[in-house]
PDB file of all heavy atoms in Angstrom:
ATOM      1  N   SER A   1       0.837  -1.198   0.000  1.00  0.00           N
ATOM      2  CA  SER A   1       0.000  -0.005   0.019  1.00  0.00           C
ATOM      3  C   SER A   1       0.855   1.221  -0.015  1.00  0.00           C
ATOM      4  O   SER A   1       0.630   2.219  -0.768  1.00  0.00           O
ATOM      5  CB  SER A   1      -0.916   0.019   1.182  1.00  0.00           C
ATOM      6  OG  SER A   1      -1.624   1.211   1.301  1.00  0.00           O
ATOM      7  N   LEU A   2       1.907   1.253   0.811  1.00  0.00           N
ATOM      8  CA  LEU A   2       2.828   2.426   0.982  1.00  0.00           C
ATOM      9  C   LEU A   2       3.573   2.643  -0.340  1.00  0.00           C
ATOM     10  O   LEU A   2       3.751   3.754  -0.756  1.00  0.00           O
ATOM     11  CB  LEU A   2       3.739   2.201   2.093  1.00  0.00           C
ATOM     12  CG  LEU A   2       4.650   3.364   2.571  1.00  0.00           C
ATOM     13  CD1 LEU A   2       3.796   4.541   2.961  1.00  0.00           C
ATOM     14  CD2 LEU A   2       5.591   2.932   3.647  1.00  0.00           C
ATOM     15  N   ARG A   3       3.997   1.569  -0.967  1.00  0.00           N
ATOM     16  CA  ARG A   3       4.840   1.706  -2.169  1.00  0.00           C
ATOM     17  C   ARG A   3       4.060   2.038  -3.374  1.00  0.00           C
ATOM     18  O   ARG A   3       4.604   2.628  -4.330  1.00  0.00           O
ATOM     19  CB  ARG A   3       5.646   0.396  -2.373  1.00  0.00           C
ATOM     20  CG  ARG A   3       6.860   0.306  -1.430  1.00  0.00           C
ATOM     21  CD  ARG A   3       7.679  -0.943  -1.682  1.00  0.00           C
ATOM     22  NE  ARG A   3       8.972  -0.797  -0.971  1.00  0.00           N
ATOM     23  CZ  ARG A   3       9.734  -1.823  -0.573  1.00  0.00           C
ATOM     24  NH1 ARG A   3       9.232  -3.068  -0.743  1.00  0.00           N
ATOM     25  NH2 ARG A   3      10.892  -1.694  -0.027  1.00  0.00           N
ATOM     26  N   PHE A   4       2.783   1.656  -3.432  1.00  0.00           N
ATOM     27  CA  PHE A   4       2.021   1.810  -4.662  1.00  0.00           C
ATOM     28  C   PHE A   4       0.906   2.875  -4.523  1.00  0.00           C
ATOM     29  O   PHE A   4       0.404   3.330  -5.567  1.00  0.00           O
ATOM     30  CB  PHE A   4       1.503   0.495  -5.141  1.00  0.00           C
ATOM     31  CG  PHE A   4       2.547  -0.414  -5.608  1.00  0.00           C
ATOM     32  CD1 PHE A   4       2.943  -1.477  -4.706  1.00  0.00           C
ATOM     33  CD2 PHE A   4       3.193  -0.285  -6.799  1.00  0.00           C
ATOM     34  CE1 PHE A   4       3.976  -2.315  -5.102  1.00  0.00           C
ATOM     35  CE2 PHE A   4       4.242  -1.141  -7.163  1.00  0.00           C
ATOM     36  CZ  PHE A   4       4.638  -2.180  -6.279  1.00  0.00           C
ATOM     37  N   MET A   5       0.476   3.207  -3.317  1.00  0.00           N
ATOM     38  CA  MET A   5      -0.499   4.297  -3.173  1.00  0.00           C
ATOM     39  C   MET A   5       0.001   5.386  -2.245  1.00  0.00           C
ATOM     40  O   MET A   5      -0.785   6.222  -1.763  1.00  0.00           O
ATOM     41  CB  MET A   5      -1.837   3.770  -2.662  1.00  0.00           C
ATOM     42  CG  MET A   5      -2.996   4.650  -3.075  1.00  0.00           C
ATOM     43  SD  MET A   5      -4.585   4.383  -2.218  1.00  0.00           S
ATOM     44  CE  MET A   5      -5.018   2.802  -2.913  1.00  0.00           C
ATOM     45  N   GLY A   6       1.281   5.422  -1.969  1.00  0.00           N
ATOM     46  CA  GLY A   6       1.858   6.467  -1.143  1.00  0.00           C
ATOM     47  C   GLY A   6       1.796   7.819  -1.843  1.00  0.00           C
ATOM     48  O   GLY A   6       1.601   7.881  -3.066  1.00  0.00           O
ATOM     49  N   THR A   7       1.975   8.920  -1.112  1.00  0.00           N
ATOM     50  CA  THR A   7       1.812  10.217  -1.650  1.00  0.00           C
ATOM     51  C   THR A   7       2.779  10.497  -2.849  1.00  0.00           C
ATOM     52  O   THR A   7       2.452  11.174  -3.811  1.00  0.00           O
ATOM     53  CB  THR A   7       2.115  11.298  -0.581  1.00  0.00           C
ATOM     54  OG1 THR A   7       1.306  11.029   0.517  1.00  0.00           O
ATOM     55  CG2 THR A   7       1.794  12.698  -1.100  1.00  0.00           C
ATOM     56  N   GLY A   8       3.988   9.870  -2.751  1.00  0.00           N
ATOM     57  CA  GLY A   8       4.973  10.057  -3.840  1.00  0.00           C
ATOM     58  C   GLY A   8       4.599   9.392  -5.141  1.00  0.00           C
ATOM     59  O   GLY A   8       4.973   9.824  -6.222  1.00  0.00           O
ATOM     60  N   TYR A   9       3.793   8.333  -5.061  1.00  0.00           N
ATOM     61  CA  TYR A   9       3.459   7.576  -6.241  1.00  0.00           C
ATOM     62  C   TYR A   9       2.156   8.013  -6.921  1.00  0.00           C
ATOM     63  O   TYR A   9       1.865   7.742  -8.076  1.00  0.00           O
ATOM     64  CB  TYR A   9       3.277   6.071  -5.886  1.00  0.00           C
ATOM     65  CG  TYR A   9       4.593   5.402  -5.596  1.00  0.00           C
ATOM     66  CD1 TYR A   9       5.119   5.297  -4.313  1.00  0.00           C
ATOM     67  CD2 TYR A   9       5.359   4.847  -6.687  1.00  0.00           C
ATOM     68  CE1 TYR A   9       6.327   4.644  -4.047  1.00  0.00           C
ATOM     69  CE2 TYR A   9       6.594   4.267  -6.439  1.00  0.00           C
ATOM     70  CZ  TYR A   9       7.038   4.129  -5.106  1.00  0.00           C
ATOM     71  OH  TYR A   9       8.257   3.547  -4.914  1.00  0.00           O
ATOM     72  N   GLN A  10       1.243   8.653  -6.151  1.00  0.00           N
ATOM     73  CA  GLN A  10      -0.012   9.053  -6.702  1.00  0.00           C
ATOM     74  C   GLN A  10       0.120  10.230  -7.697  1.00  0.00           C
ATOM     75  O   GLN A  10       1.004  11.055  -7.612  1.00  0.00           O
ATOM     76  CB  GLN A  10      -1.036   9.423  -5.580  1.00  0.00           C
ATOM     77  CG  GLN A  10      -0.814  10.882  -5.146  1.00  0.00           C
ATOM     78  CD  GLN A  10      -2.067  11.401  -4.419  1.00  0.00           C
ATOM     79  OE1 GLN A  10      -2.327  11.078  -3.283  1.00  0.00           O
ATOM     80  NE2 GLN A  10      -2.804  12.260  -5.073  1.00  0.00           N
ATOM     81  N   PRO A  11      -0.768  10.243  -8.685  1.00  0.00           N
ATOM     82  CA  PRO A  11      -0.798  11.363  -9.636  1.00  0.00           C
ATOM     83  C   PRO A  11      -1.187  12.661  -8.904  1.00  0.00           C
ATOM     84  O   PRO A  11      -2.078  12.656  -8.029  1.00  0.00           O
ATOM     85  CB  PRO A  11      -1.862  10.962 -10.703  1.00  0.00           C
ATOM     86  CG  PRO A  11      -2.773   9.978  -9.949  1.00  0.00           C
ATOM     87  CD  PRO A  11      -1.882   9.257  -8.981  1.00  0.00           C
ATOM     88  N   SER A  12      -0.508  13.749  -9.239  1.00  0.00           N
ATOM     89  CA  SER A  12      -0.871  15.069  -8.631  1.00  0.00           C
ATOM     90  C   SER A  12      -2.263  15.475  -9.087  1.00  0.00           C
ATOM     91  O   SER A  12      -2.624  15.436 -10.323  1.00  0.00           O
ATOM     92  CB  SER A  12       0.137  16.136  -8.971  1.00  0.00           C
ATOM     93  OG  SER A  12      -0.266  17.375  -8.534  1.00  0.00           O
ATOM     94  N   LEU A  13      -3.071  15.935  -8.204  1.00  0.00           N
ATOM     95  CA  LEU A  13      -4.452  16.401  -8.464  1.00  0.00           C
ATOM     96  C   LEU A  13      -4.589  17.904  -8.368  1.00  0.00           C
ATOM     97  O   LEU A  13      -5.705  18.359  -8.453  1.00  0.00           O
ATOM     98  CB  LEU A  13      -5.417  15.646  -7.560  1.00  0.00           C
ATOM     99  CG  LEU A  13      -5.443  14.127  -7.661  1.00  0.00           C
ATOM    100  CD1 LEU A  13      -6.334  13.508  -6.533  1.00  0.00           C
ATOM    101  CD2 LEU A  13      -5.902  13.662  -9.037  1.00  0.00           C
ATOM    102  N   TRP A  14      -3.515  18.590  -8.153  1.00  0.00           N
ATOM    103  CA  TRP A  14      -3.597  20.025  -7.928  1.00  0.00           C
ATOM    104  C   TRP A  14      -4.219  20.787  -9.071  1.00  0.00           C
ATOM    105  O   TRP A  14      -5.164  21.599  -8.917  1.00  0.00           O
ATOM    106  CB  TRP A  14      -2.215  20.613  -7.614  1.00  0.00           C
ATOM    107  CG  TRP A  14      -1.735  20.359  -6.267  1.00  0.00           C
ATOM    108  CD1 TRP A  14      -0.801  19.451  -5.848  1.00  0.00           C
ATOM    109  CD2 TRP A  14      -2.082  21.108  -5.080  1.00  0.00           C
ATOM    110  NE1 TRP A  14      -0.609  19.530  -4.458  1.00  0.00           N
ATOM    111  CE2 TRP A  14      -1.371  20.532  -3.978  1.00  0.00           C
ATOM    112  CE3 TRP A  14      -2.961  22.159  -4.826  1.00  0.00           C
ATOM    113  CZ2 TRP A  14      -1.533  21.021  -2.648  1.00  0.00           C
ATOM    114  CZ3 TRP A  14      -3.139  22.617  -3.527  1.00  0.00           C
ATOM    115  CH2 TRP A  14      -2.393  22.040  -2.466  1.00  0.00           C
ATOM    116  N   GLU A  15      -3.818  20.496 -10.344  1.00  0.00           N
ATOM    117  CA  GLU A  15      -4.305  21.162 -11.431  1.00  0.00           C
ATOM    118  C   GLU A  15      -5.761  20.858 -11.738  1.00  0.00           C
ATOM    119  O   GLU A  15      -6.563  21.708 -12.122  1.00  0.00           O
ATOM    120  CB  GLU A  15      -3.469  20.885 -12.729  1.00  0.00           C
ATOM    121  CG  GLU A  15      -1.994  21.377 -12.562  1.00  0.00           C
ATOM    122  CD  GLU A  15      -1.921  22.855 -12.327  1.00  0.00           C
ATOM    123  OE1 GLU A  15      -2.750  23.606 -12.877  1.00  0.00           O
ATOM    124  OE2 GLU A  15      -0.995  23.266 -11.555  1.00  0.00           O
ATOM    125  N   LYS A  16      -6.148  19.573 -11.450  1.00  0.00           N
ATOM    126  CA  LYS A  16      -7.467  19.116 -11.731  1.00  0.00           C
ATOM    127  C   LYS A  16      -8.514  19.684 -10.716  1.00  0.00           C
ATOM    128  O   LYS A  16      -9.743  19.655 -10.973  1.00  0.00           O
ATOM    129  CB  LYS A  16      -7.461  17.576 -11.752  1.00  0.00           C
ATOM    130  CG  LYS A  16      -8.667  16.982 -12.499  1.00  0.00           C
ATOM    131  CD  LYS A  16      -8.478  15.514 -12.737  1.00  0.00           C
ATOM    132  CE  LYS A  16      -9.725  14.853 -13.380  1.00  0.00           C
ATOM    133  NZ  LYS A  16     -10.007  15.462 -14.700  1.00  0.00           N
ATOM    134  N   LEU A  17      -8.015  20.162  -9.604  1.00  0.00           N
ATOM    135  CA  LEU A  17      -8.958  20.698  -8.578  1.00  0.00           C
ATOM    136  C   LEU A  17      -9.835  21.795  -9.084  1.00  0.00           C
ATOM    137  O   LEU A  17     -10.988  21.924  -8.695  1.00  0.00           O
ATOM    138  CB  LEU A  17      -8.139  21.226  -7.410  1.00  0.00           C
ATOM    139  CG  LEU A  17      -8.045  20.426  -6.104  1.00  0.00           C
ATOM    140  CD1 LEU A  17      -7.144  21.080  -5.086  1.00  0.00           C
ATOM    141  CD2 LEU A  17      -9.414  20.159  -5.527  1.00  0.00           C
ATOM    142  N   ALA A  18      -9.326  22.564 -10.040  1.00  0.00           N
ATOM    143  CA  ALA A  18     -10.127  23.669 -10.611  1.00  0.00           C
ATOM    144  C   ALA A  18     -11.315  23.161 -11.376  1.00  0.00           C
ATOM    145  O   ALA A  18     -12.363  23.888 -11.576  1.00  0.00           O
ATOM    146  CB  ALA A  18      -9.251  24.535 -11.537  1.00  0.00           C
ATOM    147  N   GLU A  19     -11.299  21.867 -11.789  1.00  0.00           N
ATOM    148  CA  GLU A  19     -12.394  21.256 -12.495  1.00  0.00           C
ATOM    149  C   GLU A  19     -13.479  20.648 -11.602  1.00  0.00           C
ATOM    150  O   GLU A  19     -14.468  20.175 -12.033  1.00  0.00           O
ATOM    151  CB  GLU A  19     -11.874  20.151 -13.407  1.00  0.00           C
ATOM    152  CG  GLU A  19     -10.829  20.635 -14.391  1.00  0.00           C
ATOM    153  CD  GLU A  19     -10.216  19.453 -15.156  1.00  0.00           C
ATOM    154  OE1 GLU A  19     -10.743  18.317 -15.091  1.00  0.00           O
ATOM    155  OE2 GLU A  19      -9.121  19.643 -15.748  1.00  0.00           O
ATOM    156  N   ASN A  20     -13.228  20.698 -10.257  1.00  0.00           N
ATOM    157  CA  ASN A  20     -14.172  20.053  -9.360  1.00  0.00           C
ATOM    158  C   ASN A  20     -15.587  20.502  -9.532  1.00  0.00           C
ATOM    159  O   ASN A  20     -15.852  21.722  -9.534  1.00  0.00           O
ATOM    160  CB  ASN A  20     -13.647  20.284  -7.935  1.00  0.00           C
ATOM    161  CG  ASN A  20     -14.669  19.742  -6.901  1.00  0.00           C
ATOM    162  OD1 ASN A  20     -15.104  18.553  -6.982  1.00  0.00           O
ATOM    163  ND2 ASN A  20     -15.016  20.591  -5.969  1.00  0.00           N
ATOM    164  N   GLN A  21     -16.521  19.569  -9.511  1.00  0.00           N
ATOM    165  CA  GLN A  21     -17.925  19.865  -9.687  1.00  0.00           C
ATOM    166  C   GLN A  21     -18.783  19.528  -8.419  1.00  0.00           C
ATOM    167  O   GLN A  21     -19.990  19.742  -8.453  1.00  0.00           O
ATOM    168  CB  GLN A  21     -18.531  19.019 -10.824  1.00  0.00           C
ATOM    169  CG  GLN A  21     -17.731  19.159 -12.109  1.00  0.00           C
ATOM    170  CD  GLN A  21     -18.201  18.149 -13.132  1.00  0.00           C
ATOM    171  OE1 GLN A  21     -19.368  17.697 -13.149  1.00  0.00           O
ATOM    172  NE2 GLN A  21     -17.286  17.701 -14.048  1.00  0.00           N
ATOM    173  N   ILE A  22     -18.112  19.060  -7.365  1.00  0.00           N
ATOM    174  CA  ILE A  22     -18.842  18.527  -6.216  1.00  0.00           C
ATOM    175  C   ILE A  22     -18.555  19.420  -4.974  1.00  0.00           C
ATOM    176  O   ILE A  22     -17.375  19.801  -4.727  1.00  0.00           O
ATOM    177  CB  ILE A  22     -18.396  17.047  -5.872  1.00  0.00           C
ATOM    178  CG1 ILE A  22     -18.525  16.187  -7.124  1.00  0.00           C
ATOM    179  CG2 ILE A  22     -19.251  16.499  -4.723  1.00  0.00           C
ATOM    180  CD1 ILE A  22     -19.889  16.006  -7.609  1.00  0.00           C
ATOM    181  N   PRO A  23     -19.554  19.724  -4.127  1.00  0.00           N
ATOM    182  CA  PRO A  23     -19.260  20.469  -2.892  1.00  0.00           C
ATOM    183  C   PRO A  23     -18.288  19.640  -2.017  1.00  0.00           C
ATOM    184  O   PRO A  23     -18.473  18.501  -1.729  1.00  0.00           O
ATOM    185  CB  PRO A  23     -20.679  20.564  -2.237  1.00  0.00           C
ATOM    186  CG  PRO A  23     -21.620  20.466  -3.398  1.00  0.00           C
ATOM    187  CD  PRO A  23     -20.993  19.524  -4.332  1.00  0.00           C
ATOM    188  N   LEU A  24     -17.222  20.356  -1.584  1.00  0.00           N
ATOM    189  CA  LEU A  24     -16.194  19.760  -0.833  1.00  0.00           C
ATOM    190  C   LEU A  24     -16.048  20.391   0.519  1.00  0.00           C
ATOM    191  O   LEU A  24     -16.032  21.612   0.667  1.00  0.00           O
ATOM    192  CB  LEU A  24     -14.789  19.868  -1.469  1.00  0.00           C
ATOM    193  CG  LEU A  24     -14.499  19.090  -2.748  1.00  0.00           C
ATOM    194  CD1 LEU A  24     -13.115  19.450  -3.255  1.00  0.00           C
ATOM    195  CD2 LEU A  24     -14.595  17.598  -2.534  1.00  0.00           C
ATOM    196  N   LEU A  25     -16.058  19.629   1.641  1.00  0.00           N
ATOM    197  CA  LEU A  25     -15.747  20.086   2.941  1.00  0.00           C
ATOM    198  C   LEU A  25     -14.389  19.600   3.336  1.00  0.00           C
ATOM    199  O   LEU A  25     -14.095  18.410   3.321  1.00  0.00           O
ATOM    200  CB  LEU A  25     -16.767  19.577   3.982  1.00  0.00           C
ATOM    201  CG  LEU A  25     -16.517  19.984   5.433  1.00  0.00           C
ATOM    202  CD1 LEU A  25     -16.569  21.519   5.615  1.00  0.00           C
ATOM    203  CD2 LEU A  25     -17.492  19.280   6.330  1.00  0.00           C
ATOM    204  N   LEU A  26     -13.427  20.579   3.565  1.00  0.00           N
ATOM    205  CA  LEU A  26     -12.046  20.191   3.926  1.00  0.00           C
ATOM    206  C   LEU A  26     -11.925  20.390   5.392  1.00  0.00           C
ATOM    207  O   LEU A  26     -12.070  21.502   5.970  1.00  0.00           O
ATOM    208  CB  LEU A  26     -11.102  21.174   3.227  1.00  0.00           C
ATOM    209  CG  LEU A  26     -11.310  21.326   1.687  1.00  0.00           C
ATOM    210  CD1 LEU A  26     -10.276  22.316   1.127  1.00  0.00           C
ATOM    211  CD2 LEU A  26     -11.190  20.018   0.987  1.00  0.00           C
ATOM    212  N   LEU A  27     -11.680  19.305   6.127  1.00  0.00           N
ATOM    213  CA  LEU A  27     -11.523  19.337   7.567  1.00  0.00           C
ATOM    214  C   LEU A  27     -10.082  19.026   8.018  1.00  0.00           C
ATOM    215  O   LEU A  27      -9.448  18.095   7.530  1.00  0.00           O
ATOM    216  CB  LEU A  27     -12.414  18.280   8.220  1.00  0.00           C
ATOM    217  CG  LEU A  27     -13.939  18.478   8.029  1.00  0.00           C
ATOM    218  CD1 LEU A  27     -14.714  17.332   8.749  1.00  0.00           C
ATOM    219  CD2 LEU A  27     -14.371  19.861   8.626  1.00  0.00           C
ATOM    220  N   VAL A  28      -9.589  19.880   8.858  1.00  0.00           N
ATOM    221  CA  VAL A  28      -8.229  19.681   9.439  1.00  0.00           C
ATOM    222  C   VAL A  28      -8.280  20.076  10.898  1.00  0.00           C
ATOM    223  O   VAL A  28      -9.051  20.937  11.328  1.00  0.00           O
ATOM    224  CB  VAL A  28      -7.153  20.528   8.628  1.00  0.00           C
ATOM    225  CG1 VAL A  28      -6.934  19.918   7.296  1.00  0.00           C
ATOM    226  CG2 VAL A  28      -7.553  22.016   8.545  1.00  0.00           C
ATOM    227  N   GLY A  29      -7.322  19.492  11.686  1.00  0.00           N
ATOM    228  CA  GLY A  29      -7.235  19.852  13.070  1.00  0.00           C
ATOM    229  C   GLY A  29      -6.425  21.085  13.311  1.00  0.00           C
ATOM    230  O   GLY A  29      -5.480  21.409  12.605  1.00  0.00           O
TER     231      GLY A  29
END
């Protein structure tokens, strides 16, 4: 899981965020 779905391996979604069509709630502590 770490080697194949870790943050370094996943495709960057930063640029695609502008295309988002769904209401998003971002929760952080």
